[in-house]
Amino acid sequence: MTFSHINRRTHLYLGLALLPWFFLYGLSSIPFSHSPYFDDLDKAKGLPNWTLRFERPYDVPVPAGDLRPLGARILADTGLTGAWGAYRQSPRQVNVYVYTFWRSTQVKYFTDQKRIVVEDKRFRWDHFLTGMHAKGGFQQDGWLQDSWAILVDLVCLGILVWIASGLYLWWHVPGHRRWGWLALGSGAAAFALFLLRL
């Protein structure tokens, strides 16, 4: 079996293996680009985005720097699990955002009032898709979170191999080189134009 045969089969089967990821990233880019449209559709339903789960007194010290230890403690005290991040909403408020593909919860810790509020977000398909699109990294704890991050890395590598194998296929079909140059040049020119102007 020649390298051309191996490359052709690599391109074919890699494309099939990556199909769910191409579908995910392609479809999820629509709500990313048209978020006001989806927000307006949601507002028309007249349903609240967030519903209160509970509210209670709470008092823990807030560190001056890294909020990860505080966030971990808040999660333990509230019984929440999932990927999460902590940030300062204001000098007197710390938010912890807990996310899974199907559910989102936010914890608001009002430091001056010594009060904590936990709210659940209503499920929306556009948020589900953009959440899958954006999820990655190794900042979270747990093997399942790391497995997703590793899988995303492998998908990115697979896409690069798929591109390289496609270029090899195109170059070795001399009759299509002219159209290939036109397609490649048009895509590169449009990309460069927006890269320089935006």
N, C-alpha and C. Protein backbone atom coordinates (compact mmCIF):
# COMPACT_ATOMS: atom_id res chain seq x y z
N MET A 1 0.85 -1.19 0.00
CA MET A 1 0.00 0.00 0.00
C MET A 1 0.89 1.25 0.00
N THR A 2 0.62 2.15 -0.93
CA THR A 2 1.42 3.36 -1.07
C THR A 2 0.98 4.43 -0.07
N PHE A 3 1.81 5.48 0.06
CA PHE A 3 1.46 6.58 0.95
C PHE A 3 0.18 7.27 0.49
N SER A 4 -0.04 7.34 -0.84
CA SER A 4 -1.26 7.97 -1.35
C SER A 4 -2.50 7.23 -0.89
N HIS A 5 -2.43 5.87 -0.90
CA HIS A 5 -3.57 5.08 -0.41
C HIS A 5 -3.79 5.33 1.08
N ILE A 6 -2.70 5.35 1.85
CA ILE A 6 -2.83 5.59 3.29
C ILE A 6 -3.41 6.97 3.55
N ASN A 7 -2.92 7.96 2.81
CA ASN A 7 -3.40 9.33 2.98
C ASN A 7 -4.88 9.45 2.64
N ARG A 8 -5.29 8.79 1.54
CA ARG A 8 -6.68 8.85 1.12
C ARG A 8 -7.61 8.25 2.17
N ARG A 9 -7.21 7.11 2.69
CA ARG A 9 -8.03 6.46 3.72
C ARG A 9 -8.01 7.26 5.04
N THR A 10 -6.85 7.84 5.35
CA THR A 10 -6.77 8.69 6.54
C THR A 10 -7.73 9.86 6.43
N HIS A 11 -7.73 10.50 5.28
CA HIS A 11 -8.61 11.66 5.06
C HIS A 11 -10.08 11.25 5.15
N LEU A 12 -10.41 10.11 4.53
CA LEU A 12 -11.80 9.65 4.52
C LEU A 12 -12.29 9.31 5.92
N TYR A 13 -11.58 8.44 6.61
CA TYR A 13 -12.07 7.96 7.90
C TYR A 13 -11.91 9.01 9.01
N LEU A 14 -10.90 9.87 8.87
CA LEU A 14 -10.76 10.96 9.83
C LEU A 14 -11.92 11.93 9.68
N GLY A 15 -12.31 12.20 8.43
CA GLY A 15 -13.46 13.07 8.20
C GLY A 15 -14.73 12.51 8.81
N LEU A 16 -14.92 11.20 8.70
CA LEU A 16 -16.09 10.56 9.29
C LEU A 16 -16.04 10.61 10.82
N ALA A 17 -14.84 10.35 11.39
CA ALA A 17 -14.69 10.38 12.84
C ALA A 17 -14.92 11.78 13.40
N LEU A 18 -14.50 12.80 12.64
CA LEU A 18 -14.62 14.19 13.10
C LEU A 18 -15.99 14.80 12.79
N LEU A 19 -16.83 14.07 12.07
CA LEU A 19 -18.12 14.61 11.63
C LEU A 19 -18.96 15.17 12.79
N PRO A 20 -19.10 14.46 13.93
CA PRO A 20 -19.89 15.07 15.03
C PRO A 20 -19.30 16.39 15.53
N TRP A 21 -17.97 16.51 15.51
CA TRP A 21 -17.33 17.73 15.99
C TRP A 21 -17.50 18.87 14.99
N PHE A 22 -17.37 18.56 13.68
CA PHE A 22 -17.64 19.58 12.67
C PHE A 22 -19.09 20.07 12.80
N PHE A 23 -20.00 19.13 13.00
CA PHE A 23 -21.42 19.47 13.16
C PHE A 23 -21.61 20.35 14.39
N LEU A 24 -21.00 19.97 15.51
CA LEU A 24 -21.12 20.75 16.75
C LEU A 24 -20.59 22.16 16.57
N TYR A 25 -19.36 22.31 16.08
CA TYR A 25 -18.76 23.63 15.98
C TYR A 25 -19.45 24.49 14.91
N GLY A 26 -19.93 23.84 13.84
CA GLY A 26 -20.65 24.60 12.82
C GLY A 26 -22.00 25.08 13.32
N LEU A 27 -22.76 24.17 13.93
CA LEU A 27 -24.10 24.52 14.41
C LEU A 27 -24.04 25.51 15.57
N SER A 28 -23.10 25.32 16.50
CA SER A 28 -23.03 26.19 17.68
C SER A 28 -22.54 27.59 17.32
N SER A 29 -21.90 27.76 16.17
CA SER A 29 -21.47 29.09 15.76
C SER A 29 -22.65 29.99 15.41
N ILE A 30 -23.79 29.39 15.06
CA ILE A 30 -24.97 30.19 14.72
C ILE A 30 -25.47 30.97 15.94
N PRO A 31 -25.73 30.33 17.09
CA PRO A 31 -26.15 31.15 18.25
C PRO A 31 -25.07 32.07 18.77
N PHE A 32 -23.78 31.74 18.55
CA PHE A 32 -22.72 32.67 18.93
C PHE A 32 -22.85 33.97 18.12
N SER A 33 -23.10 33.84 16.82
CA SER A 33 -23.16 35.01 15.95
C SER A 33 -24.48 35.76 16.04
N HIS A 34 -25.54 35.07 16.45
CA HIS A 34 -26.88 35.68 16.45
C HIS A 34 -27.52 35.62 17.83
N SER A 35 -26.72 35.84 18.87
CA SER A 35 -27.24 35.73 20.23
C SER A 35 -28.41 36.69 20.50
N PRO A 36 -28.43 37.96 19.98
CA PRO A 36 -29.59 38.82 20.24
C PRO A 36 -30.90 38.23 19.71
N TYR A 37 -30.82 37.55 18.57
CA TYR A 37 -32.02 36.93 18.00
C TYR A 37 -32.57 35.86 18.93
N PHE A 38 -31.69 35.00 19.44
CA PHE A 38 -32.12 33.94 20.34
C PHE A 38 -32.58 34.50 21.69
N ASP A 39 -31.94 35.58 22.14
CA ASP A 39 -32.37 36.22 23.38
C ASP A 39 -33.78 36.80 23.24
N ASP A 40 -34.05 37.42 22.07
CA ASP A 40 -35.38 37.99 21.83
C ASP A 40 -36.44 36.90 21.77
N LEU A 41 -36.10 35.78 21.14
CA LEU A 41 -37.04 34.65 21.11
C LEU A 41 -37.35 34.18 22.52
N ASP A 42 -36.34 34.15 23.35
CA ASP A 42 -36.52 33.68 24.72
C ASP A 42 -37.35 34.68 25.53
N LYS A 43 -37.10 35.97 25.34
CA LYS A 43 -37.87 36.99 26.07
C LYS A 43 -39.35 36.95 25.69
N ALA A 44 -39.63 36.59 24.45
CA ALA A 44 -41.02 36.53 24.00
C ALA A 44 -41.82 35.46 24.74
N LYS A 45 -41.15 34.49 25.30
CA LYS A 45 -41.85 33.44 26.06
C LYS A 45 -42.30 33.94 27.42
N GLY A 46 -41.70 35.03 27.88
CA GLY A 46 -42.09 35.60 29.16
C GLY A 46 -41.69 34.75 30.35
N LEU A 47 -40.69 33.91 30.18
CA LEU A 47 -40.23 33.05 31.26
C LEU A 47 -38.93 33.60 31.83
N PRO A 48 -38.74 33.49 33.14
CA PRO A 48 -37.47 33.99 33.72
C PRO A 48 -36.30 33.10 33.33
N ASN A 49 -35.15 33.72 33.12
CA ASN A 49 -33.94 32.95 32.82
C ASN A 49 -33.44 32.20 34.05
N TRP A 50 -33.61 32.82 35.22
CA TRP A 50 -33.10 32.23 36.46
C TRP A 50 -34.23 32.04 37.46
N THR A 51 -34.18 30.92 38.17
CA THR A 51 -35.14 30.68 39.25
C THR A 51 -34.37 30.43 40.55
N LEU A 52 -34.91 30.95 41.63
CA LEU A 52 -34.25 30.85 42.93
C LEU A 52 -34.34 29.41 43.46
N ARG A 53 -33.18 28.86 43.82
CA ARG A 53 -33.17 27.55 44.48
C ARG A 53 -33.23 27.73 46.00
N PHE A 54 -32.34 28.56 46.53
CA PHE A 54 -32.44 28.92 47.94
C PHE A 54 -31.60 30.16 48.22
N GLU A 55 -31.87 30.75 49.35
CA GLU A 55 -31.14 31.93 49.83
C GLU A 55 -30.98 31.77 51.33
N ARG A 56 -29.77 32.05 51.83
CA ARG A 56 -29.56 31.86 53.26
C ARG A 56 -28.36 32.70 53.73
N PRO A 57 -28.25 32.90 55.04
CA PRO A 57 -27.07 33.60 55.57
C PRO A 57 -25.81 32.79 55.30
N TYR A 58 -24.73 33.52 55.06
CA TYR A 58 -23.46 32.85 54.75
C TYR A 58 -22.33 33.82 55.05
N ASP A 59 -21.28 33.31 55.66
CA ASP A 59 -20.18 34.19 56.03
C ASP A 59 -18.87 33.41 56.02
N VAL A 60 -18.05 33.65 55.00
CA VAL A 60 -16.70 33.08 54.93
C VAL A 60 -15.77 34.19 54.47
N PRO A 61 -14.49 34.13 54.84
CA PRO A 61 -13.55 35.16 54.39
C PRO A 61 -13.27 35.05 52.89
N VAL A 62 -13.07 36.19 52.27
CA VAL A 62 -12.79 36.25 50.83
C VAL A 62 -11.32 36.60 50.65
N PRO A 63 -10.55 35.74 49.95
CA PRO A 63 -9.13 36.04 49.75
C PRO A 63 -8.93 37.21 48.80
N ALA A 64 -7.80 37.85 48.92
CA ALA A 64 -7.52 39.02 48.08
C ALA A 64 -7.15 38.62 46.66
N GLY A 65 -6.58 37.43 46.49
CA GLY A 65 -6.11 37.03 45.17
C GLY A 65 -6.97 35.94 44.54
N ASP A 66 -6.40 34.74 44.45
CA ASP A 66 -7.05 33.61 43.78
C ASP A 66 -8.35 33.23 44.48
N LEU A 67 -9.44 33.14 43.70
CA LEU A 67 -10.74 32.83 44.26
C LEU A 67 -11.08 31.34 44.17
N ARG A 68 -10.16 30.52 43.62
CA ARG A 68 -10.47 29.08 43.49
C ARG A 68 -10.73 28.41 44.85
N PRO A 69 -9.91 28.67 45.87
CA PRO A 69 -10.21 28.03 47.16
C PRO A 69 -11.58 28.44 47.72
N LEU A 70 -11.93 29.72 47.56
CA LEU A 70 -13.24 30.18 48.02
C LEU A 70 -14.34 29.50 47.22
N GLY A 71 -14.16 29.44 45.91
CA GLY A 71 -15.17 28.79 45.07
C GLY A 71 -15.37 27.34 45.44
N ALA A 72 -14.27 26.62 45.70
CA ALA A 72 -14.36 25.21 46.09
C ALA A 72 -15.12 25.07 47.41
N ARG A 73 -14.88 25.97 48.34
CA ARG A 73 -15.58 25.90 49.62
C ARG A 73 -17.07 26.19 49.44
N ILE A 74 -17.40 27.18 48.63
CA ILE A 74 -18.81 27.50 48.38
C ILE A 74 -19.52 26.32 47.74
N LEU A 75 -18.87 25.67 46.78
CA LEU A 75 -19.47 24.49 46.15
C LEU A 75 -19.71 23.39 47.17
N ALA A 76 -18.73 23.15 48.03
CA ALA A 76 -18.88 22.11 49.05
C ALA A 76 -20.02 22.45 50.00
N ASP A 77 -20.14 23.73 50.38
CA ASP A 77 -21.17 24.14 51.33
C ASP A 77 -22.57 24.12 50.73
N THR A 78 -22.65 24.27 49.41
CA THR A 78 -23.97 24.29 48.75
C THR A 78 -24.31 22.96 48.09
N GLY A 79 -23.36 22.01 48.04
CA GLY A 79 -23.62 20.71 47.45
C GLY A 79 -23.68 20.71 45.94
N LEU A 80 -23.04 21.69 45.30
CA LEU A 80 -23.05 21.79 43.83
C LEU A 80 -21.85 21.08 43.25
N THR A 81 -22.02 20.50 42.06
CA THR A 81 -20.93 19.83 41.35
C THR A 81 -20.97 20.23 39.88
N GLY A 82 -19.83 20.06 39.22
CA GLY A 82 -19.72 20.38 37.80
C GLY A 82 -18.53 21.29 37.56
N ALA A 83 -18.30 21.62 36.29
CA ALA A 83 -17.25 22.59 35.96
C ALA A 83 -17.66 23.95 36.52
N TRP A 84 -16.69 24.71 36.98
CA TRP A 84 -17.06 25.97 37.62
C TRP A 84 -15.96 27.01 37.50
N GLY A 85 -16.35 28.24 37.75
CA GLY A 85 -15.42 29.35 37.80
C GLY A 85 -15.91 30.35 38.83
N ALA A 86 -14.98 31.08 39.41
CA ALA A 86 -15.32 32.08 40.42
C ALA A 86 -14.74 33.43 40.00
N TYR A 87 -15.50 34.48 40.19
CA TYR A 87 -15.02 35.81 39.84
C TYR A 87 -15.72 36.85 40.70
N ARG A 88 -15.12 38.03 40.77
CA ARG A 88 -15.71 39.14 41.53
C ARG A 88 -16.67 39.91 40.62
N GLN A 89 -17.93 39.88 40.97
CA GLN A 89 -18.91 40.68 40.25
C GLN A 89 -18.75 42.15 40.59
N SER A 90 -18.38 42.40 41.85
CA SER A 90 -18.15 43.76 42.35
C SER A 90 -17.32 43.64 43.62
N PRO A 91 -16.88 44.75 44.19
CA PRO A 91 -16.11 44.64 45.44
C PRO A 91 -16.88 43.94 46.57
N ARG A 92 -18.20 43.93 46.48
CA ARG A 92 -19.01 43.35 47.55
C ARG A 92 -19.75 42.08 47.11
N GLN A 93 -19.38 41.55 45.96
CA GLN A 93 -20.09 40.35 45.47
C GLN A 93 -19.12 39.42 44.75
N VAL A 94 -19.16 38.14 45.11
CA VAL A 94 -18.41 37.09 44.43
C VAL A 94 -19.41 36.12 43.82
N ASN A 95 -19.22 35.81 42.54
CA ASN A 95 -20.10 34.86 41.86
C ASN A 95 -19.33 33.58 41.57
N VAL A 96 -20.01 32.47 41.75
CA VAL A 96 -19.48 31.17 41.35
C VAL A 96 -20.46 30.59 40.34
N TYR A 97 -19.96 30.30 39.15
CA TYR A 97 -20.80 29.79 38.07
C TYR A 97 -20.51 28.31 37.88
N VAL A 98 -21.53 27.47 38.01
CA VAL A 98 -21.38 26.03 37.90
C VAL A 98 -22.09 25.57 36.63
N TYR A 99 -21.36 24.80 35.80
CA TYR A 99 -21.89 24.48 34.48
C TYR A 99 -21.72 23.01 34.14
N THR A 100 -22.81 22.40 33.68
CA THR A 100 -22.74 21.13 32.95
C THR A 100 -23.42 21.39 31.61
N PHE A 101 -23.34 20.44 30.70
CA PHE A 101 -23.96 20.66 29.39
C PHE A 101 -25.47 20.89 29.51
N TRP A 102 -26.10 20.29 30.51
CA TRP A 102 -27.56 20.34 30.61
C TRP A 102 -28.07 21.30 31.68
N ARG A 103 -27.20 21.80 32.53
CA ARG A 103 -27.68 22.61 33.65
C ARG A 103 -26.64 23.66 34.03
N SER A 104 -27.14 24.84 34.35
CA SER A 104 -26.26 25.93 34.83
C SER A 104 -26.82 26.48 36.12
N THR A 105 -25.93 26.74 37.06
CA THR A 105 -26.32 27.30 38.35
C THR A 105 -25.33 28.41 38.70
N GLN A 106 -25.85 29.49 39.27
CA GLN A 106 -24.96 30.55 39.73
C GLN A 106 -25.17 30.79 41.22
N VAL A 107 -24.05 31.01 41.89
CA VAL A 107 -24.07 31.31 43.32
C VAL A 107 -23.59 32.75 43.48
N LYS A 108 -24.39 33.56 44.13
CA LYS A 108 -24.02 34.94 44.40
C LYS A 108 -23.76 35.08 45.90
N TYR A 109 -22.53 35.44 46.22
CA TYR A 109 -22.17 35.66 47.62
C TYR A 109 -22.01 37.15 47.85
N PHE A 110 -22.95 37.73 48.60
CA PHE A 110 -22.92 39.15 48.93
C PHE A 110 -22.17 39.32 50.24
N THR A 111 -20.92 39.73 50.12
CA THR A 111 -20.04 39.75 51.29
C THR A 111 -20.46 40.77 52.33
N ASP A 112 -21.00 41.91 51.90
CA ASP A 112 -21.39 42.93 52.87
C ASP A 112 -22.67 42.55 53.61
N GLN A 113 -23.53 41.76 52.94
CA GLN A 113 -24.79 41.35 53.56
C GLN A 113 -24.67 39.98 54.24
N LYS A 114 -23.51 39.33 54.05
CA LYS A 114 -23.30 37.97 54.57
C LYS A 114 -24.47 37.06 54.18
N ARG A 115 -24.68 37.03 52.88
CA ARG A 115 -25.83 36.31 52.34
C ARG A 115 -25.42 35.61 51.05
N ILE A 116 -25.99 34.43 50.82
CA ILE A 116 -25.70 33.67 49.61
C ILE A 116 -27.02 33.35 48.90
N VAL A 117 -27.00 33.48 47.57
CA VAL A 117 -28.17 33.20 46.74
C VAL A 117 -27.77 32.20 45.68
N VAL A 118 -28.54 31.14 45.54
CA VAL A 118 -28.28 30.11 44.53
C VAL A 118 -29.45 30.09 43.56
N GLU A 119 -29.13 30.24 42.25
CA GLU A 119 -30.16 30.29 41.21
C GLU A 119 -29.83 29.29 40.11
N ASP A 120 -30.87 28.68 39.55
CA ASP A 120 -30.73 27.74 38.44
C ASP A 120 -31.21 28.39 37.15
N LYS A 121 -30.47 28.13 36.07
CA LYS A 121 -30.82 28.71 34.79
C LYS A 121 -31.73 27.77 34.01
N ARG A 122 -32.74 28.34 33.37
CA ARG A 122 -33.63 27.55 32.53
C ARG A 122 -32.86 27.04 31.31
N PHE A 123 -33.12 25.79 30.94
CA PHE A 123 -32.41 25.19 29.81
C PHE A 123 -32.78 25.89 28.51
N ARG A 124 -31.74 26.19 27.72
CA ARG A 124 -31.92 26.74 26.37
C ARG A 124 -30.98 26.02 25.43
N TRP A 125 -31.50 25.63 24.26
CA TRP A 125 -30.67 24.89 23.31
C TRP A 125 -29.50 25.71 22.80
N ASP A 126 -29.68 27.02 22.62
CA ASP A 126 -28.58 27.83 22.12
C ASP A 126 -27.46 27.90 23.15
N HIS A 127 -27.80 27.97 24.44
CA HIS A 127 -26.77 27.97 25.48
C HIS A 127 -26.10 26.60 25.60
N PHE A 128 -26.88 25.56 25.38
CA PHE A 128 -26.34 24.20 25.39
C PHE A 128 -25.25 24.06 24.32
N LEU A 129 -25.54 24.54 23.10
CA LEU A 129 -24.60 24.42 21.99
C LEU A 129 -23.37 25.29 22.20
N THR A 130 -23.56 26.55 22.61
CA THR A 130 -22.40 27.42 22.81
C THR A 130 -21.56 26.95 23.99
N GLY A 131 -22.22 26.35 24.99
CA GLY A 131 -21.47 25.80 26.12
C GLY A 131 -20.58 24.65 25.70
N MET A 132 -21.08 23.78 24.83
CA MET A 132 -20.27 22.68 24.32
C MET A 132 -19.12 23.21 23.47
N HIS A 133 -19.42 24.22 22.67
CA HIS A 133 -18.41 24.81 21.79
C HIS A 133 -17.25 25.39 22.60
N ALA A 134 -17.58 26.07 23.69
CA ALA A 134 -16.56 26.80 24.44
C ALA A 134 -15.86 25.99 25.51
N LYS A 135 -16.41 24.84 25.86
CA LYS A 135 -15.84 24.08 26.98
C LYS A 135 -14.50 23.48 26.60
N GLY A 136 -13.53 23.63 27.48
CA GLY A 136 -12.20 23.07 27.25
C GLY A 136 -11.28 23.48 28.38
N GLY A 137 -10.04 23.08 28.27
CA GLY A 137 -9.05 23.46 29.28
C GLY A 137 -8.95 22.44 30.39
N PHE A 138 -7.88 22.57 31.15
CA PHE A 138 -7.57 21.62 32.22
C PHE A 138 -7.65 22.27 33.60
N GLN A 139 -8.46 23.33 33.74
CA GLN A 139 -8.54 24.04 35.01
C GLN A 139 -9.43 23.32 36.02
N GLN A 140 -10.29 22.41 35.53
CA GLN A 140 -11.25 21.77 36.41
C GLN A 140 -10.66 20.52 37.06
N ASP A 141 -11.30 20.08 38.14
CA ASP A 141 -10.87 18.87 38.83
C ASP A 141 -11.65 17.67 38.31
N GLY A 142 -11.02 16.51 38.31
CA GLY A 142 -11.72 15.28 37.94
C GLY A 142 -11.28 14.75 36.59
N TRP A 143 -11.25 13.43 36.50
CA TRP A 143 -10.77 12.78 35.27
C TRP A 143 -11.71 12.99 34.10
N LEU A 144 -13.03 13.12 34.37
CA LEU A 144 -13.98 13.30 33.28
C LEU A 144 -13.79 14.65 32.61
N GLN A 145 -13.55 15.69 33.42
CA GLN A 145 -13.29 17.03 32.86
C GLN A 145 -12.00 17.02 32.04
N ASP A 146 -10.95 16.37 32.57
CA ASP A 146 -9.69 16.29 31.84
C ASP A 146 -9.84 15.46 30.56
N SER A 147 -10.69 14.42 30.61
CA SER A 147 -10.90 13.59 29.43
C SER A 147 -11.52 14.39 28.29
N TRP A 148 -12.47 15.27 28.63
CA TRP A 148 -13.06 16.12 27.60
C TRP A 148 -12.00 17.04 27.00
N ALA A 149 -11.17 17.63 27.86
CA ALA A 149 -10.13 18.53 27.38
C ALA A 149 -9.14 17.79 26.47
N ILE A 150 -8.78 16.57 26.85
CA ILE A 150 -7.87 15.76 26.02
C ILE A 150 -8.53 15.44 24.68
N LEU A 151 -9.82 15.10 24.72
CA LEU A 151 -10.54 14.79 23.49
C LEU A 151 -10.59 15.99 22.56
N VAL A 152 -10.81 17.18 23.12
CA VAL A 152 -10.81 18.40 22.30
C VAL A 152 -9.44 18.62 21.67
N ASP A 153 -8.37 18.36 22.43
CA ASP A 153 -7.02 18.47 21.88
C ASP A 153 -6.83 17.49 20.71
N LEU A 154 -7.30 16.27 20.88
CA LEU A 154 -7.18 15.26 19.82
C LEU A 154 -8.00 15.65 18.59
N VAL A 155 -9.18 16.23 18.82
CA VAL A 155 -10.00 16.70 17.70
C VAL A 155 -9.27 17.81 16.94
N CYS A 156 -8.67 18.75 17.66
CA CYS A 156 -7.92 19.83 17.00
C CYS A 156 -6.77 19.26 16.18
N LEU A 157 -6.05 18.30 16.75
CA LEU A 157 -4.96 17.66 16.02
C LEU A 157 -5.51 16.92 14.81
N GLY A 158 -6.64 16.22 14.99
CA GLY A 158 -7.26 15.51 13.88
C GLY A 158 -7.67 16.43 12.75
N ILE A 159 -8.18 17.61 13.09
CA ILE A 159 -8.57 18.57 12.05
C ILE A 159 -7.35 19.03 11.26
N LEU A 160 -6.22 19.26 11.96
CA LEU A 160 -5.00 19.66 11.25
C LEU A 160 -4.51 18.56 10.32
N VAL A 161 -4.57 17.31 10.78
CA VAL A 161 -4.17 16.18 9.91
C VAL A 161 -5.13 16.07 8.74
N TRP A 162 -6.42 16.27 8.98
CA TRP A 162 -7.43 16.20 7.92
C TRP A 162 -7.16 17.27 6.86
N ILE A 163 -6.79 18.47 7.30
CA ILE A 163 -6.47 19.55 6.36
C ILE A 163 -5.23 19.18 5.54
N ALA A 164 -4.19 18.71 6.23
CA ALA A 164 -2.95 18.36 5.52
C ALA A 164 -3.18 17.24 4.52
N SER A 165 -3.96 16.23 4.90
CA SER A 165 -4.23 15.13 3.98
C SER A 165 -5.08 15.59 2.80
N GLY A 166 -5.97 16.54 3.04
CA GLY A 166 -6.77 17.09 1.95
C GLY A 166 -5.93 17.88 0.96
N LEU A 167 -4.97 18.66 1.48
CA LEU A 167 -4.06 19.39 0.60
C LEU A 167 -3.22 18.43 -0.23
N TYR A 168 -2.78 17.35 0.38
CA TYR A 168 -2.00 16.34 -0.35
C TYR A 168 -2.85 15.71 -1.45
N LEU A 169 -4.10 15.39 -1.14
CA LEU A 169 -4.99 14.80 -2.14
C LEU A 169 -5.19 15.76 -3.31
N TRP A 170 -5.44 17.02 -3.00
CA TRP A 170 -5.67 18.01 -4.05
C TRP A 170 -4.44 18.15 -4.95
N TRP A 171 -3.26 18.25 -4.35
CA TRP A 171 -2.04 18.48 -5.12
C TRP A 171 -1.71 17.32 -6.05
N HIS A 172 -2.15 16.13 -5.68
CA HIS A 172 -1.85 14.95 -6.49
C HIS A 172 -2.95 14.63 -7.50
N VAL A 173 -3.83 15.59 -7.72
CA VAL A 173 -4.80 15.49 -8.83
C VAL A 173 -4.57 16.72 -9.71
N PRO A 174 -3.59 16.65 -10.64
CA PRO A 174 -3.18 17.84 -11.39
C PRO A 174 -4.31 18.55 -12.12
N GLY A 175 -5.31 17.82 -12.56
CA GLY A 175 -6.41 18.45 -13.29
C GLY A 175 -7.24 19.41 -12.46
N HIS A 176 -7.13 19.32 -11.15
CA HIS A 176 -7.94 20.18 -10.27
C HIS A 176 -7.11 21.25 -9.58
N ARG A 177 -5.85 21.36 -9.95
CA ARG A 177 -5.01 22.33 -9.24
C ARG A 177 -5.45 23.77 -9.45
N ARG A 178 -5.89 24.10 -10.67
CA ARG A 178 -6.29 25.48 -10.94
C ARG A 178 -7.49 25.87 -10.07
N TRP A 179 -8.51 25.01 -10.02
CA TRP A 179 -9.67 25.30 -9.20
C TRP A 179 -9.29 25.28 -7.72
N GLY A 180 -8.37 24.43 -7.37
CA GLY A 180 -7.91 24.37 -5.99
C GLY A 180 -7.22 25.66 -5.58
N TRP A 181 -6.37 26.19 -6.47
CA TRP A 181 -5.70 27.45 -6.17
C TRP A 181 -6.72 28.58 -6.02
N LEU A 182 -7.77 28.55 -6.87
CA LEU A 182 -8.81 29.57 -6.78
C LEU A 182 -9.53 29.50 -5.44
N ALA A 183 -9.89 28.29 -5.02
CA ALA A 183 -10.59 28.11 -3.74
C ALA A 183 -9.69 28.50 -2.57
N LEU A 184 -8.44 28.03 -2.62
CA LEU A 184 -7.50 28.32 -1.55
C LEU A 184 -7.19 29.82 -1.47
N GLY A 185 -6.97 30.43 -2.63
CA GLY A 185 -6.66 31.86 -2.67
C GLY A 185 -7.82 32.72 -2.22
N SER A 186 -9.04 32.35 -2.62
CA SER A 186 -10.23 33.12 -2.22
C SER A 186 -10.43 33.05 -0.71
N GLY A 187 -10.30 31.85 -0.17
CA GLY A 187 -10.46 31.70 1.28
C GLY A 187 -9.40 32.45 2.05
N ALA A 188 -8.16 32.35 1.61
CA ALA A 188 -7.06 33.03 2.30
C ALA A 188 -7.20 34.54 2.19
N ALA A 189 -7.63 35.04 1.01
CA ALA A 189 -7.78 36.49 0.83
C ALA A 189 -8.88 37.04 1.73
N ALA A 190 -10.01 36.34 1.80
CA ALA A 190 -11.10 36.80 2.67
C ALA A 190 -10.66 36.79 4.13
N PHE A 191 -9.95 35.74 4.53
CA PHE A 191 -9.46 35.65 5.91
C PHE A 191 -8.50 36.79 6.21
N ALA A 192 -7.55 37.04 5.30
CA ALA A 192 -6.56 38.09 5.50
C ALA A 192 -7.22 39.47 5.56
N LEU A 193 -8.22 39.69 4.71
CA LEU A 193 -8.92 40.97 4.68
C LEU A 193 -9.56 41.28 6.03
N PHE A 194 -10.31 40.31 6.57
CA PHE A 194 -10.96 40.52 7.86
C PHE A 194 -9.95 40.58 9.00
N LEU A 195 -8.87 39.82 8.87
CA LEU A 195 -7.84 39.85 9.89
C LEU A 195 -7.20 41.23 10.00
N LEU A 196 -7.01 41.88 8.86
CA LEU A 196 -6.36 43.19 8.84
C LEU A 196 -7.33 44.34 9.15
N ARG A 197 -8.60 44.17 8.83
CA ARG A 197 -9.54 45.27 8.93
C ARG A 197 -10.37 45.26 10.21
N LEU A 198 -10.52 44.12 10.85
CA LEU A 198 -11.36 44.06 12.05
C LEU A 198 -10.52 44.22 13.32
